[in-house]
Structure formats: C-alpha cells, structure tokens
Amino acid sequence: MSLAQAHLILGDAVRSRAYADSALRDLKDSVRSDDGDPASIATVSMLSAYAGRPDSARAQAARATALLPIEKSAWGGPVVHYNAACAYARIGDVDSAVAAIGRVLAVPSAASVASVRLDADLSLLRGDPRFEAMLKRVSAAR
C-alpha cells in the first residue's frame, strides 16, 4: 500500500493504481467473509480509493467501521476509522471523511491534530470550514 500512496503523492496515478491493484489481489481472501478483519477491510478501502474504485472504497470503509466501532476497541477502532476517513477523503466524500476524523479525534488515539493536518490522504479536507473548525476545537481542548 505504501508504494501506491507514494506514487499518488508524486503525481503518478498510473503506477499508484497498479500497486493498489496488486495489493488488492493479495488482500482479497482476508476480507471475503462477513466477519473479516476490520483493519484489513479498512486497508482495502484505502487501496480501492488509490485504484480509482470509489464505490468499493466507500463500501469497504463503511463495512470496516461498522465491524469495529471506536467504542469497541480503544486501539483498533480509531485506526480503522482513521483509515476509513483517508479512503473517504481520497474519493472526494468530504462529509464522511470529516465525520470519521471527528470520531477519531474525539477519543484518545495516536492521531493528533498535527498528524491529521499533514496527512497527504486528507489533503482534500484542508480548507473545508467544518474540518478546520473541528481541528481548532480539538486543539483548544487539548
């Protein structure tokens, strides 16, 4: 997945999609069952976004977050929701991305306002009034 992300950041969408497609093939078996691993499913959502498959990205992000709500796992929940937010942002679903990041920043997690601001996957959110207001609120509260 890192290669897909790196090539996307470098502006090489063709190579990004090729690496994402390759990684998706490798992960397909681990996410087939209804009780699949939420972290793997969230990864598939991000890879689907990199591969230019918005419907799959959206569906897998929703599935991952439904399988592992933040309240169910103090560590895994925020990670899954963060990755879902990245997938939503990559496909242009700003509403879902802002909502997911909001859930992550509302609980103690590895995500910080600084890391959220710098994450290339979330770059589409920069400048969105809801996103900026949320980051300002969270910064003031911490």
N, C-alpha and C. Protein backbone atom coordinates (compact mmCIF):
# COMPACT_ATOMS: atom_id res chain seq x y z
N MET A 1 0.82 -1.18 0.00
CA MET A 1 0.00 0.00 0.00
C MET A 1 0.87 1.25 0.00
N SER A 2 2.01 1.19 0.65
CA SER A 2 2.89 2.36 0.72
C SER A 2 3.34 2.82 -0.67
N LEU A 3 3.61 1.87 -1.54
CA LEU A 3 4.03 2.25 -2.89
C LEU A 3 2.89 2.92 -3.65
N ALA A 4 1.68 2.42 -3.47
CA ALA A 4 0.52 3.06 -4.13
C ALA A 4 0.37 4.48 -3.62
N GLN A 5 0.50 4.67 -2.33
CA GLN A 5 0.36 6.00 -1.75
C GLN A 5 1.49 6.92 -2.21
N ALA A 6 2.70 6.41 -2.21
CA ALA A 6 3.85 7.23 -2.61
C ALA A 6 3.72 7.70 -4.05
N HIS A 7 3.34 6.82 -4.93
CA HIS A 7 3.20 7.21 -6.34
C HIS A 7 2.05 8.20 -6.53
N LEU A 8 1.00 8.06 -5.75
CA LEU A 8 -0.09 9.02 -5.84
C LEU A 8 0.37 10.40 -5.38
N ILE A 9 1.11 10.44 -4.29
CA ILE A 9 1.64 11.71 -3.79
C ILE A 9 2.58 12.35 -4.82
N LEU A 10 3.34 11.51 -5.53
CA LEU A 10 4.27 12.01 -6.54
C LEU A 10 3.56 12.39 -7.84
N GLY A 11 2.26 12.14 -7.90
CA GLY A 11 1.50 12.52 -9.08
C GLY A 11 1.45 11.46 -10.17
N ASP A 12 1.88 10.24 -9.86
CA ASP A 12 1.87 9.16 -10.84
C ASP A 12 0.69 8.24 -10.56
N ALA A 13 -0.48 8.65 -11.03
CA ALA A 13 -1.71 7.90 -10.77
C ALA A 13 -1.70 6.52 -11.41
N VAL A 14 -1.03 6.37 -12.54
CA VAL A 14 -0.99 5.07 -13.23
C VAL A 14 -0.25 4.04 -12.38
N ARG A 15 0.91 4.39 -11.90
CA ARG A 15 1.67 3.45 -11.05
C ARG A 15 0.97 3.24 -9.72
N SER A 16 0.38 4.29 -9.17
CA SER A 16 -0.36 4.16 -7.93
C SER A 16 -1.47 3.12 -8.07
N ARG A 17 -2.22 3.21 -9.15
CA ARG A 17 -3.30 2.25 -9.39
C ARG A 17 -2.76 0.84 -9.58
N ALA A 18 -1.64 0.71 -10.26
CA ALA A 18 -1.06 -0.62 -10.48
C ALA A 18 -0.66 -1.26 -9.15
N TYR A 19 0.01 -0.50 -8.30
CA TYR A 19 0.40 -1.03 -6.99
C TYR A 19 -0.82 -1.32 -6.12
N ALA A 20 -1.83 -0.46 -6.19
CA ALA A 20 -3.05 -0.68 -5.41
C ALA A 20 -3.76 -1.94 -5.88
N ASP A 21 -3.86 -2.12 -7.19
CA ASP A 21 -4.50 -3.33 -7.73
C ASP A 21 -3.76 -4.59 -7.29
N SER A 22 -2.44 -4.54 -7.31
CA SER A 22 -1.64 -5.69 -6.88
C SER A 22 -1.89 -6.01 -5.40
N ALA A 23 -1.89 -4.99 -4.58
CA ALA A 23 -2.13 -5.20 -3.14
C ALA A 23 -3.55 -5.69 -2.89
N LEU A 24 -4.52 -5.20 -3.66
CA LEU A 24 -5.90 -5.65 -3.51
C LEU A 24 -6.02 -7.14 -3.80
N ARG A 25 -5.33 -7.61 -4.82
CA ARG A 25 -5.36 -9.04 -5.13
C ARG A 25 -4.83 -9.85 -3.95
N ASP A 26 -3.79 -9.35 -3.30
CA ASP A 26 -3.20 -10.06 -2.17
C ASP A 26 -4.12 -10.10 -0.95
N LEU A 27 -4.93 -9.08 -0.78
CA LEU A 27 -5.79 -8.98 0.41
C LEU A 27 -7.19 -9.55 0.23
N LYS A 28 -7.58 -9.89 -0.98
CA LYS A 28 -8.98 -10.24 -1.25
C LYS A 28 -9.49 -11.39 -0.38
N ASP A 29 -8.67 -12.39 -0.11
CA ASP A 29 -9.14 -13.52 0.69
C ASP A 29 -9.39 -13.16 2.14
N SER A 30 -8.62 -12.23 2.67
CA SER A 30 -8.78 -11.89 4.09
C SER A 30 -10.00 -11.03 4.36
N VAL A 31 -10.63 -10.52 3.34
CA VAL A 31 -11.79 -9.65 3.57
C VAL A 31 -13.08 -10.21 2.98
N ARG A 32 -13.06 -11.42 2.51
CA ARG A 32 -14.25 -12.00 1.88
C ARG A 32 -15.37 -12.30 2.86
N SER A 33 -15.04 -12.86 4.00
CA SER A 33 -16.10 -13.27 4.92
C SER A 33 -16.74 -12.07 5.59
N ASP A 34 -17.97 -12.27 6.04
CA ASP A 34 -18.70 -11.19 6.69
C ASP A 34 -18.05 -10.75 7.99
N ASP A 35 -17.28 -11.63 8.60
CA ASP A 35 -16.62 -11.28 9.86
C ASP A 35 -15.13 -11.06 9.64
N GLY A 36 -14.78 -10.55 8.48
CA GLY A 36 -13.38 -10.28 8.14
C GLY A 36 -12.73 -9.31 9.12
N ASP A 37 -11.44 -9.22 9.04
CA ASP A 37 -10.67 -8.35 9.91
C ASP A 37 -10.92 -6.89 9.53
N PRO A 38 -11.46 -6.08 10.46
CA PRO A 38 -11.76 -4.69 10.13
C PRO A 38 -10.55 -3.88 9.65
N ALA A 39 -9.38 -4.16 10.22
CA ALA A 39 -8.18 -3.42 9.79
C ALA A 39 -7.85 -3.74 8.34
N SER A 40 -7.96 -5.01 7.96
CA SER A 40 -7.70 -5.39 6.57
C SER A 40 -8.75 -4.79 5.65
N ILE A 41 -9.99 -4.77 6.10
CA ILE A 41 -11.06 -4.20 5.29
C ILE A 41 -10.84 -2.70 5.09
N ALA A 42 -10.39 -2.01 6.15
CA ALA A 42 -10.10 -0.58 6.03
C ALA A 42 -8.93 -0.35 5.06
N THR A 43 -7.96 -1.25 5.09
CA THR A 43 -6.85 -1.16 4.15
C THR A 43 -7.35 -1.34 2.72
N VAL A 44 -8.27 -2.29 2.52
CA VAL A 44 -8.86 -2.50 1.20
C VAL A 44 -9.60 -1.24 0.76
N SER A 45 -10.25 -0.56 1.69
CA SER A 45 -10.96 0.67 1.32
C SER A 45 -9.98 1.72 0.82
N MET A 46 -8.83 1.84 1.49
CA MET A 46 -7.83 2.81 1.04
C MET A 46 -7.25 2.41 -0.32
N LEU A 47 -6.94 1.13 -0.47
CA LEU A 47 -6.40 0.66 -1.75
C LEU A 47 -7.40 0.85 -2.87
N SER A 48 -8.68 0.63 -2.57
CA SER A 48 -9.71 0.84 -3.59
C SER A 48 -9.76 2.31 -4.00
N ALA A 49 -9.57 3.19 -3.04
CA ALA A 49 -9.54 4.62 -3.36
C ALA A 49 -8.33 4.93 -4.25
N TYR A 50 -7.17 4.39 -3.90
CA TYR A 50 -5.97 4.61 -4.72
C TYR A 50 -6.15 4.04 -6.12
N ALA A 51 -6.90 2.94 -6.22
CA ALA A 51 -7.09 2.27 -7.51
C ALA A 51 -8.20 2.92 -8.34
N GLY A 52 -8.82 3.95 -7.79
CA GLY A 52 -9.87 4.64 -8.55
C GLY A 52 -11.19 3.92 -8.54
N ARG A 53 -11.48 3.22 -7.45
CA ARG A 53 -12.73 2.47 -7.31
C ARG A 53 -13.54 3.05 -6.16
N PRO A 54 -14.20 4.18 -6.37
CA PRO A 54 -14.87 4.87 -5.27
C PRO A 54 -16.01 4.08 -4.62
N ASP A 55 -16.76 3.34 -5.40
CA ASP A 55 -17.87 2.58 -4.82
C ASP A 55 -17.36 1.51 -3.87
N SER A 56 -16.31 0.81 -4.27
CA SER A 56 -15.70 -0.20 -3.41
C SER A 56 -15.07 0.44 -2.18
N ALA A 57 -14.38 1.55 -2.38
CA ALA A 57 -13.74 2.24 -1.25
C ALA A 57 -14.79 2.63 -0.22
N ARG A 58 -15.88 3.20 -0.67
CA ARG A 58 -16.94 3.65 0.24
C ARG A 58 -17.57 2.46 0.97
N ALA A 59 -17.86 1.40 0.23
CA ALA A 59 -18.50 0.22 0.83
C ALA A 59 -17.59 -0.45 1.86
N GLN A 60 -16.31 -0.58 1.53
CA GLN A 60 -15.39 -1.23 2.45
C GLN A 60 -15.11 -0.37 3.69
N ALA A 61 -15.04 0.94 3.51
CA ALA A 61 -14.85 1.83 4.66
C ALA A 61 -16.04 1.72 5.61
N ALA A 62 -17.24 1.73 5.05
CA ALA A 62 -18.44 1.61 5.88
C ALA A 62 -18.48 0.25 6.58
N ARG A 63 -18.09 -0.79 5.88
CA ARG A 63 -18.08 -2.14 6.46
C ARG A 63 -17.06 -2.23 7.61
N ALA A 64 -15.88 -1.70 7.39
CA ALA A 64 -14.84 -1.77 8.42
C ALA A 64 -15.26 -1.03 9.69
N THR A 65 -15.80 0.17 9.52
CA THR A 65 -16.18 0.95 10.71
C THR A 65 -17.39 0.35 11.41
N ALA A 66 -18.27 -0.31 10.66
CA ALA A 66 -19.41 -0.98 11.29
C ALA A 66 -18.95 -2.20 12.09
N LEU A 67 -17.94 -2.91 11.58
CA LEU A 67 -17.43 -4.09 12.28
C LEU A 67 -16.64 -3.72 13.54
N LEU A 68 -16.01 -2.55 13.54
CA LEU A 68 -15.20 -2.17 14.69
C LEU A 68 -15.45 -0.71 15.08
N PRO A 69 -16.55 -0.47 15.79
CA PRO A 69 -16.79 0.89 16.26
C PRO A 69 -15.69 1.31 17.23
N ILE A 70 -15.44 2.58 17.31
CA ILE A 70 -14.41 3.10 18.21
C ILE A 70 -14.66 2.65 19.64
N GLU A 71 -15.92 2.60 20.04
CA GLU A 71 -16.27 2.23 21.41
C GLU A 71 -15.92 0.78 21.73
N LYS A 72 -15.76 -0.03 20.71
CA LYS A 72 -15.49 -1.46 20.91
C LYS A 72 -14.00 -1.74 21.12
N SER A 73 -13.15 -0.89 20.60
CA SER A 73 -11.71 -1.10 20.72
C SER A 73 -10.99 0.24 20.80
N ALA A 74 -10.37 0.49 21.93
CA ALA A 74 -9.69 1.77 22.15
C ALA A 74 -8.48 1.94 21.23
N TRP A 75 -7.89 0.86 20.77
CA TRP A 75 -6.75 0.98 19.87
C TRP A 75 -7.17 0.76 18.42
N GLY A 76 -7.76 -0.38 18.13
CA GLY A 76 -8.10 -0.71 16.76
C GLY A 76 -9.19 0.16 16.16
N GLY A 77 -10.16 0.55 16.99
CA GLY A 77 -11.27 1.37 16.48
C GLY A 77 -10.80 2.67 15.85
N PRO A 78 -10.01 3.47 16.56
CA PRO A 78 -9.54 4.72 15.94
C PRO A 78 -8.70 4.50 14.68
N VAL A 79 -7.91 3.44 14.66
CA VAL A 79 -7.08 3.16 13.47
C VAL A 79 -7.98 2.86 12.27
N VAL A 80 -8.98 2.02 12.48
CA VAL A 80 -9.90 1.66 11.40
C VAL A 80 -10.66 2.89 10.91
N HIS A 81 -11.14 3.71 11.84
CA HIS A 81 -11.91 4.90 11.46
C HIS A 81 -11.01 5.93 10.77
N TYR A 82 -9.77 6.04 11.21
CA TYR A 82 -8.82 6.95 10.56
C TYR A 82 -8.58 6.53 9.11
N ASN A 83 -8.33 5.23 8.91
CA ASN A 83 -8.09 4.74 7.55
C ASN A 83 -9.34 4.90 6.68
N ALA A 84 -10.50 4.71 7.27
CA ALA A 84 -11.74 4.94 6.52
C ALA A 84 -11.84 6.41 6.12
N ALA A 85 -11.48 7.30 7.03
CA ALA A 85 -11.51 8.74 6.72
C ALA A 85 -10.58 9.05 5.55
N CYS A 86 -9.41 8.42 5.55
CA CYS A 86 -8.47 8.63 4.44
C CYS A 86 -9.07 8.15 3.12
N ALA A 87 -9.72 7.00 3.15
CA ALA A 87 -10.35 6.48 1.93
C ALA A 87 -11.46 7.42 1.47
N TYR A 88 -12.31 7.85 2.40
CA TYR A 88 -13.39 8.77 2.05
C TYR A 88 -12.82 10.06 1.43
N ALA A 89 -11.76 10.59 2.04
CA ALA A 89 -11.18 11.83 1.51
C ALA A 89 -10.61 11.60 0.11
N ARG A 90 -9.94 10.49 -0.10
CA ARG A 90 -9.35 10.20 -1.41
C ARG A 90 -10.39 10.10 -2.52
N ILE A 91 -11.61 9.66 -2.17
CA ILE A 91 -12.65 9.55 -3.21
C ILE A 91 -13.53 10.79 -3.27
N GLY A 92 -13.20 11.79 -2.45
CA GLY A 92 -13.94 13.05 -2.50
C GLY A 92 -15.19 13.11 -1.65
N ASP A 93 -15.37 12.15 -0.76
CA ASP A 93 -16.52 12.13 0.14
C ASP A 93 -16.15 12.91 1.41
N VAL A 94 -16.18 14.22 1.30
CA VAL A 94 -15.74 15.10 2.38
C VAL A 94 -16.60 14.92 3.63
N ASP A 95 -17.90 14.81 3.46
CA ASP A 95 -18.79 14.65 4.63
C ASP A 95 -18.41 13.44 5.47
N SER A 96 -18.25 12.29 4.82
CA SER A 96 -17.91 11.06 5.55
C SER A 96 -16.50 11.15 6.14
N ALA A 97 -15.58 11.76 5.42
CA ALA A 97 -14.21 11.88 5.91
C ALA A 97 -14.15 12.76 7.15
N VAL A 98 -14.82 13.90 7.12
CA VAL A 98 -14.82 14.80 8.28
C VAL A 98 -15.48 14.11 9.47
N ALA A 99 -16.57 13.40 9.24
CA ALA A 99 -17.25 12.70 10.33
C ALA A 99 -16.35 11.63 10.95
N ALA A 100 -15.65 10.87 10.11
CA ALA A 100 -14.78 9.81 10.62
C ALA A 100 -13.60 10.38 11.40
N ILE A 101 -12.98 11.42 10.87
CA ILE A 101 -11.85 12.04 11.60
C ILE A 101 -12.35 12.65 12.91
N GLY A 102 -13.54 13.21 12.88
CA GLY A 102 -14.11 13.75 14.12
C GLY A 102 -14.26 12.69 15.19
N ARG A 103 -14.69 11.49 14.80
CA ARG A 103 -14.82 10.39 15.77
C ARG A 103 -13.46 10.00 16.32
N VAL A 104 -12.45 10.00 15.47
CA VAL A 104 -11.10 9.62 15.90
C VAL A 104 -10.53 10.65 16.88
N LEU A 105 -10.67 11.92 16.54
CA LEU A 105 -10.09 12.97 17.38
C LEU A 105 -10.87 13.18 18.68
N ALA A 106 -12.05 12.60 18.78
CA ALA A 106 -12.86 12.75 20.00
C ALA A 106 -12.43 11.79 21.11
N VAL A 107 -11.56 10.85 20.79
CA VAL A 107 -11.10 9.88 21.78
C VAL A 107 -9.57 9.89 21.82
N PRO A 108 -8.99 9.43 22.91
CA PRO A 108 -7.52 9.31 22.93
C PRO A 108 -7.07 8.31 21.87
N SER A 109 -6.13 8.73 21.05
CA SER A 109 -5.61 7.85 20.00
C SER A 109 -4.25 8.35 19.55
N ALA A 110 -3.65 7.62 18.64
CA ALA A 110 -2.35 8.03 18.11
C ALA A 110 -2.47 9.23 17.18
N ALA A 111 -3.67 9.51 16.71
CA ALA A 111 -3.87 10.64 15.80
C ALA A 111 -3.82 11.96 16.57
N SER A 112 -3.13 12.90 16.00
CA SER A 112 -3.07 14.24 16.60
C SER A 112 -3.55 15.25 15.56
N VAL A 113 -3.83 16.43 16.02
CA VAL A 113 -4.23 17.49 15.09
C VAL A 113 -3.11 17.72 14.07
N ALA A 114 -1.87 17.71 14.54
CA ALA A 114 -0.74 17.93 13.62
C ALA A 114 -0.65 16.83 12.58
N SER A 115 -0.79 15.57 13.00
CA SER A 115 -0.68 14.48 12.03
C SER A 115 -1.84 14.50 11.03
N VAL A 116 -3.01 14.87 11.50
CA VAL A 116 -4.17 14.97 10.61
C VAL A 116 -3.96 16.09 9.59
N ARG A 117 -3.42 17.21 10.05
CA ARG A 117 -3.16 18.33 9.14
C ARG A 117 -2.15 17.97 8.05
N LEU A 118 -1.19 17.13 8.40
CA LEU A 118 -0.10 16.81 7.47
C LEU A 118 -0.35 15.60 6.59
N ASP A 119 -1.35 14.79 6.91
CA ASP A 119 -1.58 13.55 6.18
C ASP A 119 -2.00 13.85 4.74
N ALA A 120 -1.21 13.36 3.80
CA ALA A 120 -1.50 13.60 2.37
C ALA A 120 -2.84 13.01 1.96
N ASP A 121 -3.25 11.92 2.58
CA ASP A 121 -4.54 11.32 2.23
C ASP A 121 -5.71 12.22 2.59
N LEU A 122 -5.50 13.12 3.53
CA LEU A 122 -6.56 14.02 3.98
C LEU A 122 -6.45 15.41 3.38
N SER A 123 -5.59 15.59 2.40
CA SER A 123 -5.34 16.92 1.85
C SER A 123 -6.59 17.57 1.27
N LEU A 124 -7.51 16.78 0.75
CA LEU A 124 -8.75 17.33 0.19
C LEU A 124 -9.58 18.06 1.26
N LEU A 125 -9.39 17.69 2.51
CA LEU A 125 -10.16 18.30 3.59
C LEU A 125 -9.64 19.67 3.99
N ARG A 126 -8.39 19.93 3.69
CA ARG A 126 -7.80 21.21 4.08
C ARG A 126 -8.58 22.35 3.45
N GLY A 127 -8.93 23.32 4.27
CA GLY A 127 -9.70 24.45 3.79
C GLY A 127 -11.20 24.27 3.95
N ASP A 128 -11.67 23.04 4.19
CA ASP A 128 -13.10 22.82 4.43
C ASP A 128 -13.44 23.44 5.79
N PRO A 129 -14.44 24.32 5.83
CA PRO A 129 -14.74 25.02 7.10
C PRO A 129 -15.05 24.08 8.26
N ARG A 130 -15.75 22.98 8.01
CA ARG A 130 -16.07 22.04 9.10
C ARG A 130 -14.80 21.36 9.61
N PHE A 131 -13.93 20.98 8.70
CA PHE A 131 -12.68 20.32 9.06
C PHE A 131 -11.79 21.27 9.86
N GLU A 132 -11.63 22.48 9.35
CA GLU A 132 -10.78 23.46 10.04
C GLU A 132 -11.34 23.82 11.41
N ALA A 133 -12.66 23.99 11.53
CA ALA A 133 -13.28 24.30 12.82
C ALA A 133 -13.09 23.15 13.80
N MET A 134 -13.22 21.93 13.33
CA MET A 134 -13.02 20.76 14.19
C MET A 134 -11.60 20.71 14.71
N LEU A 135 -10.64 20.92 13.83
CA LEU A 135 -9.24 20.90 14.26
C LEU A 135 -8.95 22.00 15.28
N LYS A 136 -9.53 23.14 15.06
CA LYS A 136 -9.35 24.26 16.00
C LYS A 136 -9.95 23.91 17.37
N ARG A 137 -11.16 23.31 17.37
CA ARG A 137 -11.81 22.90 18.62
C ARG A 137 -10.99 21.88 19.37
N VAL A 138 -10.50 20.87 18.64
CA VAL A 138 -9.72 19.80 19.27
C VAL A 138 -8.41 20.36 19.81
N SER A 139 -7.76 21.24 19.06
CA SER A 139 -6.50 21.86 19.53
C SER A 139 -6.73 22.64 20.82
N ALA A 140 -7.81 23.37 20.87
CA ALA A 140 -8.10 24.18 22.06
C ALA A 140 -8.40 23.31 23.26
N ALA A 141 -9.00 22.15 23.03
CA ALA A 141 -9.38 21.26 24.13
C ALA A 141 -8.19 20.46 24.67
N ARG A 142 -7.16 20.32 23.88
CA ARG A 142 -6.01 19.50 24.31
C ARG A 142 -5.00 20.37 24.92
